[in-house]
Amino acid sequence: MIKEIFTGNLLTKFMALVMAIALWLYAINRHTEDLQEVVRLSVSVPSGITVLEQGAEDIIVRLRGPQNEIENAKNLIKDQKIEAKYLIRESPEGIEDQIKQTISIAREHLNLPDSVKLISVYPEKVNVLLGKLQKKKLKVNLQKKGEPAVGYAITNEFIFPAEVEIEGPLNTLKEVVSINTVPVDIGGITVEQNRTFPWRIAIDQKVIVKQGDKNITVPVSCDQEVRMWLQVVEKQETMVVEKLKIKILMPDDYPYIIKLRDEYVNIKIKGSKLLLEKLNTEDVVPYIDVALLKPPGPYKQPIKCHLNKNFEIVDKLPDVHLDIRERENPFEGGKL
């Protein structure tokens, strides 16, 4: 008896299940919803024309459809898979310089699912300013970011070719004379990079145009690259070494006494910043040589200096006044 309840009339029961599922699907599709979202508006133009201004970059659409289709459309818009695309068919020959147009956005410009209805678009009409393109050669400016490593500096930069051909709006390019490269990162650069040049650098795909008191960014196209060289050197600085005792060079057993009016001197030195920071002042030796003098008598002698070849003396060293006289005690000896 129980077996007959579960196994009897199988066809009838199967048909009832199919009808229940169909009614469920029908109920879902009958339940409609509205959706209001913002979508991107993309305006395409033929070769030889560019969009200078576009009244709206986005539009607001109101949609209606079955609940499941509306949810699907919402996800597609979120993933930017639904957008408005408008193709302008204006010929470049029909534009002398610039021309304004008003485009109307309709369902045919939106890639909506067939089951979703477009209720409204805002704005429905969008103004666009079209410009004729021209080719022009512009000087290349190297655009850098970052700073060389501590103790290093860039003294020269070279770019080849110095000019590139770009394509951009005819009216805009009349006053433009140069274009930048993409930013080149020179952060932490040292003289080691001198051996890795040239670098290949792309051209930035825009120019900056001054209109009144504003700077306007105008898109351009350039398919060229340039090669770049930089001359990186160790940064040079100066340092004053103060109160260095002047050394006297004289023959052994020199029979005279030497007195200096000034026994100390300040010396200004130039060299690599990194080496100056490590300089030992004991390696800077100012001196005078009295071997060729004929004492006794007062003399004025130029100061000379023993210095590492990586450094140089900035200012001329002063003369020193000295007095050479015979020793009062003939047994007095030694060097001062």
Protein backbone atom coordinates (compact mmCIF):
# COMPACT_ATOMS: atom_id res chain seq x y z
CA MET A 1 0.00 0.00 0.00
CA ILE A 2 2.73 2.47 0.99
CA LYS A 3 4.76 1.48 -2.09
CA GLU A 4 1.82 2.30 -4.35
CA ILE A 5 1.52 5.77 -2.82
CA PHE A 6 5.12 6.60 -3.79
CA THR A 7 5.29 4.77 -7.11
CA GLY A 8 1.81 5.16 -8.48
CA ASN A 9 0.92 7.73 -11.15
CA LEU A 10 4.56 8.68 -11.83
CA LEU A 11 3.71 10.49 -15.08
CA THR A 12 1.13 12.66 -13.35
CA LYS A 13 3.52 13.56 -10.60
CA PHE A 14 6.31 14.38 -13.07
CA MET A 15 4.02 16.70 -15.05
CA ALA A 16 3.00 18.45 -11.85
CA LEU A 17 6.66 19.06 -10.99
CA VAL A 18 7.38 20.49 -14.47
CA MET A 19 4.38 22.84 -14.20
CA ALA A 20 5.51 24.01 -10.74
CA ILE A 21 8.99 24.86 -12.03
CA ALA A 22 7.51 26.67 -15.05
CA LEU A 23 5.21 28.70 -12.80
CA TRP A 24 8.16 29.58 -10.58
CA LEU A 25 10.26 30.78 -13.51
CA TYR A 26 7.27 32.72 -14.89
CA ALA A 27 6.75 34.41 -11.54
CA ILE A 28 10.41 35.45 -11.40
CA ASN A 29 10.36 36.88 -14.93
CA ARG A 30 7.07 38.66 -14.30
CA HIS A 31 8.59 40.50 -11.34
CA THR A 32 10.26 43.53 -12.90
CA GLU A 33 12.62 46.05 -11.34
CA ASP A 34 14.09 49.45 -12.24
CA LEU A 35 17.81 50.29 -12.12
CA GLN A 36 19.55 53.65 -12.33
CA GLU A 37 23.30 53.62 -12.92
CA VAL A 38 26.15 55.70 -14.36
CA VAL A 39 27.90 54.35 -17.45
CA ARG A 40 30.91 55.60 -19.38
CA LEU A 41 30.37 57.47 -22.66
CA SER A 42 33.03 56.78 -25.28
CA VAL A 43 33.06 58.90 -28.44
CA SER A 44 35.03 57.48 -31.39
CA VAL A 45 36.11 59.49 -34.44
CA PRO A 46 37.66 58.62 -37.83
CA SER A 47 41.38 58.89 -38.55
CA GLY A 48 42.51 62.51 -38.91
CA ILE A 49 40.06 63.84 -36.28
CA THR A 50 40.23 64.09 -32.50
CA VAL A 51 37.77 64.99 -29.75
CA LEU A 52 38.90 68.29 -28.19
CA GLU A 53 36.04 68.67 -25.73
CA GLN A 54 33.22 66.37 -24.63
CA GLY A 55 30.24 67.77 -22.73
CA ALA A 56 29.83 64.64 -20.58
CA GLU A 57 32.19 61.76 -19.90
CA ASP A 58 29.46 59.71 -18.17
CA ILE A 59 25.69 59.37 -18.61
CA ILE A 60 22.94 58.22 -16.25
CA VAL A 61 20.73 55.41 -17.57
CA ARG A 62 17.46 54.13 -16.14
CA LEU A 63 16.74 50.50 -16.96
CA ARG A 64 13.79 48.14 -16.44
CA GLY A 65 13.53 44.38 -16.74
CA PRO A 66 13.09 41.07 -14.96
CA GLN A 67 14.71 40.93 -11.55
CA ASN A 68 17.40 38.44 -12.54
CA GLU A 69 18.26 40.37 -15.74
CA ILE A 70 18.45 43.67 -13.84
CA GLU A 71 20.84 42.10 -11.34
CA ASN A 72 22.94 40.83 -14.22
CA ALA A 73 22.97 44.29 -15.87
CA LYS A 74 23.99 45.87 -12.56
CA ASN A 75 26.98 43.55 -12.29
CA LEU A 76 27.98 44.18 -15.91
CA ILE A 77 27.91 47.94 -15.34
CA LYS A 78 29.98 47.53 -12.18
CA ASP A 79 32.57 45.55 -14.18
CA GLN A 80 32.46 48.26 -16.91
CA LYS A 81 31.24 45.74 -19.47
CA ILE A 82 28.24 47.89 -20.34
CA GLU A 83 29.04 51.32 -21.74
CA ALA A 84 27.77 53.86 -24.23
CA LYS A 85 29.69 54.07 -27.51
CA TYR A 86 29.05 56.67 -30.17
CA LEU A 87 30.83 56.70 -33.54
CA ILE A 88 31.11 60.06 -35.32
CA ARG A 89 31.39 59.69 -39.08
CA GLU A 90 32.57 63.24 -39.87
CA SER A 91 35.22 63.39 -42.61
CA PRO A 92 38.47 65.33 -41.93
CA GLU A 93 38.00 67.08 -45.25
CA GLY A 94 34.84 68.66 -43.86
CA ILE A 95 36.73 70.33 -40.98
CA GLU A 96 38.91 73.38 -41.57
CA ASP A 97 40.09 73.59 -37.96
CA GLN A 98 37.36 72.85 -35.38
CA ILE A 99 33.68 71.98 -35.50
CA LYS A 100 30.99 71.52 -32.82
CA GLN A 101 28.46 68.70 -32.92
CA THR A 102 25.60 67.51 -30.73
CA ILE A 103 25.14 63.77 -30.45
CA SER A 104 22.00 61.98 -29.21
CA ILE A 105 22.37 58.86 -27.05
CA ALA A 106 19.88 56.04 -27.70
CA ARG A 107 19.56 52.34 -26.93
CA GLU A 108 21.51 51.42 -30.07
CA HIS A 109 24.59 53.02 -28.48
CA LEU A 110 24.39 50.83 -25.36
CA ASN A 111 25.30 47.14 -25.30
CA LEU A 112 22.37 46.18 -23.05
CA PRO A 113 20.93 42.65 -22.75
CA ASP A 114 17.87 42.20 -25.01
CA SER A 115 15.58 41.59 -22.04
CA VAL A 116 16.48 44.94 -20.42
CA LYS A 117 14.53 48.03 -21.49
CA LEU A 118 16.09 51.51 -21.62
CA ILE A 119 13.66 53.92 -19.93
CA SER A 120 15.71 57.16 -20.05
CA VAL A 121 19.16 58.63 -20.59
CA TYR A 122 20.58 61.78 -18.97
CA PRO A 123 21.89 63.80 -20.62
CA GLU A 124 20.20 62.59 -23.78
CA LYS A 125 22.22 65.02 -25.93
CA VAL A 126 25.95 65.69 -25.52
CA ASN A 127 28.00 68.45 -27.17
CA VAL A 128 31.41 67.54 -28.59
CA LEU A 129 34.11 69.72 -30.12
CA LEU A 130 36.03 68.05 -32.93
CA GLY A 131 39.44 69.15 -34.15
CA LYS A 132 41.38 68.35 -37.28
CA LEU A 133 44.71 66.60 -36.67
CA GLN A 134 48.05 67.67 -38.08
CA LYS A 135 51.63 66.44 -37.80
CA LYS A 136 54.34 68.64 -36.34
CA LYS A 137 57.91 68.27 -35.11
CA LEU A 138 58.50 69.25 -31.49
CA LYS A 139 61.62 69.59 -29.36
CA VAL A 140 62.01 66.85 -26.74
CA ASN A 141 62.36 67.75 -23.06
CA LEU A 142 63.70 65.12 -20.68
CA GLN A 143 61.35 64.75 -17.72
CA LYS A 144 63.04 63.38 -14.58
CA LYS A 145 61.81 62.26 -11.18
CA GLY A 146 63.76 61.49 -8.02
CA GLU A 147 67.23 62.63 -6.97
CA PRO A 148 70.72 61.17 -7.55
CA ALA A 149 72.37 59.31 -4.68
CA VAL A 150 73.83 61.45 -1.92
CA GLY A 151 77.10 62.96 -3.09
CA TYR A 152 76.31 62.73 -6.82
CA ALA A 153 74.97 65.21 -9.36
CA ILE A 154 73.93 65.29 -13.03
CA THR A 155 76.00 67.83 -14.95
CA ASN A 156 74.82 67.17 -18.52
CA GLU A 157 72.02 65.40 -20.34
CA PHE A 158 71.72 64.42 -24.00
CA ILE A 159 68.71 63.27 -26.05
CA PHE A 160 68.68 61.80 -29.56
CA PRO A 161 66.81 62.61 -31.66
CA ALA A 162 66.32 66.12 -30.31
CA GLU A 163 62.99 66.41 -32.15
CA VAL A 164 60.10 63.99 -32.74
CA GLU A 165 57.07 64.08 -34.99
CA ILE A 166 53.72 64.08 -33.22
CA GLU A 167 50.11 64.26 -34.35
CA GLY A 168 47.62 66.48 -32.58
CA PRO A 169 44.86 69.08 -32.98
CA LEU A 170 45.66 71.66 -35.65
CA ASN A 171 44.60 74.70 -33.65
CA THR A 172 46.24 73.59 -30.39
CA LEU A 173 49.65 72.82 -31.88
CA LYS A 174 50.13 76.29 -33.36
CA GLU A 175 51.75 77.56 -30.15
CA VAL A 176 53.36 74.31 -28.96
CA VAL A 177 57.14 73.98 -29.44
CA SER A 178 58.13 71.07 -27.18
CA ILE A 179 56.95 67.79 -25.67
CA ASN A 180 58.12 65.83 -22.62
CA THR A 181 59.37 62.29 -22.35
CA VAL A 182 57.66 59.99 -19.89
CA PRO A 183 59.18 60.58 -16.42
CA VAL A 184 62.61 58.97 -16.04
CA ASP A 185 63.39 57.71 -12.54
CA ILE A 186 66.90 58.88 -11.56
CA GLY A 187 66.44 58.10 -7.87
CA GLY A 188 69.69 56.85 -6.32
CA ILE A 189 71.68 57.17 -9.55
CA THR A 190 75.51 57.12 -9.29
CA VAL A 191 78.46 57.21 -11.69
CA GLU A 192 77.91 53.47 -12.25
CA GLN A 193 75.03 54.36 -14.57
CA ASN A 194 77.44 56.18 -16.91
CA ARG A 195 78.30 52.73 -18.28
CA THR A 196 74.67 51.70 -18.90
CA PHE A 197 73.63 54.58 -21.16
CA PRO A 198 71.95 55.13 -23.55
CA TRP A 199 68.51 54.44 -22.10
CA ARG A 200 65.48 54.21 -24.41
CA ILE A 201 62.67 56.49 -23.28
CA ALA A 202 59.11 56.84 -24.62
CA ILE A 203 57.45 60.15 -25.45
CA ASP A 204 54.58 61.39 -23.29
CA GLN A 205 51.31 61.28 -25.23
CA LYS A 206 50.16 64.76 -24.28
CA VAL A 207 51.17 68.41 -24.40
CA ILE A 208 50.39 71.26 -22.03
CA VAL A 209 48.77 74.32 -23.62
CA LYS A 210 48.20 77.62 -21.83
CA GLN A 211 44.73 79.06 -22.39
CA GLY A 212 44.25 82.31 -20.52
CA ASP A 213 45.32 81.67 -16.94
CA LYS A 214 44.85 77.89 -17.19
CA ASN A 215 47.04 75.04 -18.40
CA ILE A 216 45.13 72.59 -20.59
CA THR A 217 46.28 69.00 -21.21
CA VAL A 218 45.83 68.02 -24.86
CA PRO A 219 46.25 64.37 -25.99
CA VAL A 220 48.64 63.78 -28.91
CA SER A 221 50.15 60.69 -30.47
CA CYS A 222 53.81 59.86 -31.08
CA ASP A 223 55.16 56.38 -31.84
CA GLN A 224 58.84 57.34 -31.51
CA GLU A 225 61.32 56.65 -28.73
CA VAL A 226 64.42 58.65 -27.88
CA ARG A 227 67.80 57.64 -26.49
CA MET A 228 69.07 59.39 -23.38
CA TRP A 229 72.51 59.91 -21.88
CA LEU A 230 73.27 61.52 -18.53
CA GLN A 231 76.64 62.64 -17.22
CA VAL A 232 76.72 61.66 -13.56
CA VAL A 233 79.62 62.94 -11.44
CA GLU A 234 80.51 63.05 -7.79
CA LYS A 235 79.29 66.30 -6.32
CA GLN A 236 82.06 68.82 -5.67
CA GLU A 237 82.17 70.87 -2.50
CA THR A 238 84.62 73.06 -0.63
CA MET A 239 85.87 72.90 2.93
CA VAL A 240 88.10 75.21 4.95
CA VAL A 241 90.72 73.45 7.08
CA GLU A 242 91.66 75.89 9.85
CA LYS A 243 94.82 76.48 11.90
CA LEU A 244 97.18 74.16 10.08
CA LYS A 245 100.73 74.48 11.42
CA ILE A 246 103.22 75.48 8.73
CA LYS A 247 106.08 73.04 8.41
CA ILE A 248 109.61 74.31 7.68
CA LEU A 249 111.77 72.25 5.32
CA MET A 250 115.51 72.82 5.88
CA PRO A 251 118.75 70.85 5.66
CA ASP A 252 119.91 68.67 8.51
CA ASP A 253 122.07 70.50 11.11
CA TYR A 254 120.80 73.86 9.83
CA PRO A 255 122.89 76.46 11.73
CA TYR A 256 120.21 79.16 11.82
CA ILE A 257 117.13 79.98 13.87
CA ILE A 258 113.89 80.56 11.90
CA LYS A 259 110.99 82.55 13.28
CA LEU A 260 107.62 82.83 11.49
CA ARG A 261 105.37 85.83 11.94
CA ASP A 262 102.34 83.51 11.53
CA GLU A 263 102.81 79.84 12.31
CA TYR A 264 99.33 78.71 11.23
CA VAL A 265 97.29 79.05 8.05
CA ASN A 266 93.72 78.31 6.87
CA ILE A 267 93.40 76.41 3.57
CA LYS A 268 90.25 76.12 1.42
CA ILE A 269 90.02 72.75 -0.34
CA LYS A 270 87.74 71.54 -3.15
CA GLY A 271 86.88 67.93 -3.92
CA SER A 272 84.30 65.18 -3.95
CA LYS A 273 81.74 65.59 -1.19
CA LEU A 274 82.16 61.94 -0.24
CA LEU A 275 85.96 62.22 -0.05
CA LEU A 276 85.87 65.53 1.83
CA GLU A 277 83.77 63.89 4.52
CA LYS A 278 86.54 61.30 5.00
CA LEU A 279 89.47 63.74 4.78
CA ASN A 280 92.06 63.46 7.53
CA THR A 281 93.39 66.98 8.19
CA GLU A 282 96.80 65.50 9.05
CA ASP A 283 97.14 64.72 5.33
CA VAL A 284 97.00 68.45 4.52
CA VAL A 285 100.53 69.72 5.11
CA PRO A 286 101.39 73.39 4.43
CA TYR A 287 105.12 74.09 4.26
CA ILE A 288 107.90 76.47 3.22
CA ASP A 289 111.36 75.46 1.94
CA VAL A 290 114.32 77.55 3.17
CA ALA A 291 117.07 75.42 1.59
CA LEU A 292 117.79 77.95 -1.17
CA LEU A 293 117.65 81.05 1.03
CA LYS A 294 120.89 82.84 2.01
CA PRO A 295 120.61 83.83 5.66
CA PRO A 296 120.65 85.85 7.70
CA GLY A 297 117.78 88.21 6.94
CA PRO A 298 114.04 88.65 6.74
CA TYR A 299 112.26 86.86 3.91
CA LYS A 300 108.80 86.51 2.42
CA GLN A 301 108.13 83.03 1.10
CA PRO A 302 105.05 81.48 -0.61
CA ILE A 303 103.37 78.67 1.28
CA LYS A 304 103.17 75.35 -0.53
CA CYS A 305 101.02 72.36 0.40
CA HIS A 306 101.23 68.59 0.25
CA LEU A 307 97.72 67.41 -0.74
CA ASN A 308 96.10 64.26 -2.11
CA LYS A 309 95.65 64.43 -5.90
CA ASN A 310 91.85 64.00 -5.50
CA PHE A 311 91.69 67.49 -3.99
CA GLU A 312 92.67 70.95 -5.11
CA ILE A 313 93.30 74.22 -3.32
CA VAL A 314 90.66 76.80 -4.16
CA ASP A 315 92.43 80.09 -3.36
CA LYS A 316 96.07 81.05 -3.74
CA LEU A 317 97.98 80.38 -0.56
CA PRO A 318 99.41 83.44 1.19
CA ASP A 319 103.06 84.34 1.63
CA VAL A 320 104.61 83.92 5.03
CA HIS A 321 107.06 86.36 6.66
CA LEU A 322 110.04 84.77 8.36
CA ASP A 323 113.25 85.91 9.98
CA ILE A 324 116.45 83.82 9.73
CA ARG A 325 119.30 84.61 12.11
CA GLU A 326 122.42 82.96 13.46
CA ARG A 327 122.19 81.02 16.67
CA GLU A 328 123.48 82.82 19.76
CA ASN A 329 124.77 79.51 21.12
CA PRO A 330 126.85 77.80 18.44
CA PHE A 331 126.13 74.45 20.16
CA GLU A 332 122.37 74.99 19.81
CA GLY A 333 121.07 72.67 17.14
CA GLY A 334 118.02 70.89 15.86
CA LYS A 335 115.09 72.00 13.78
CA LEU A 336 112.21 74.22 14.66
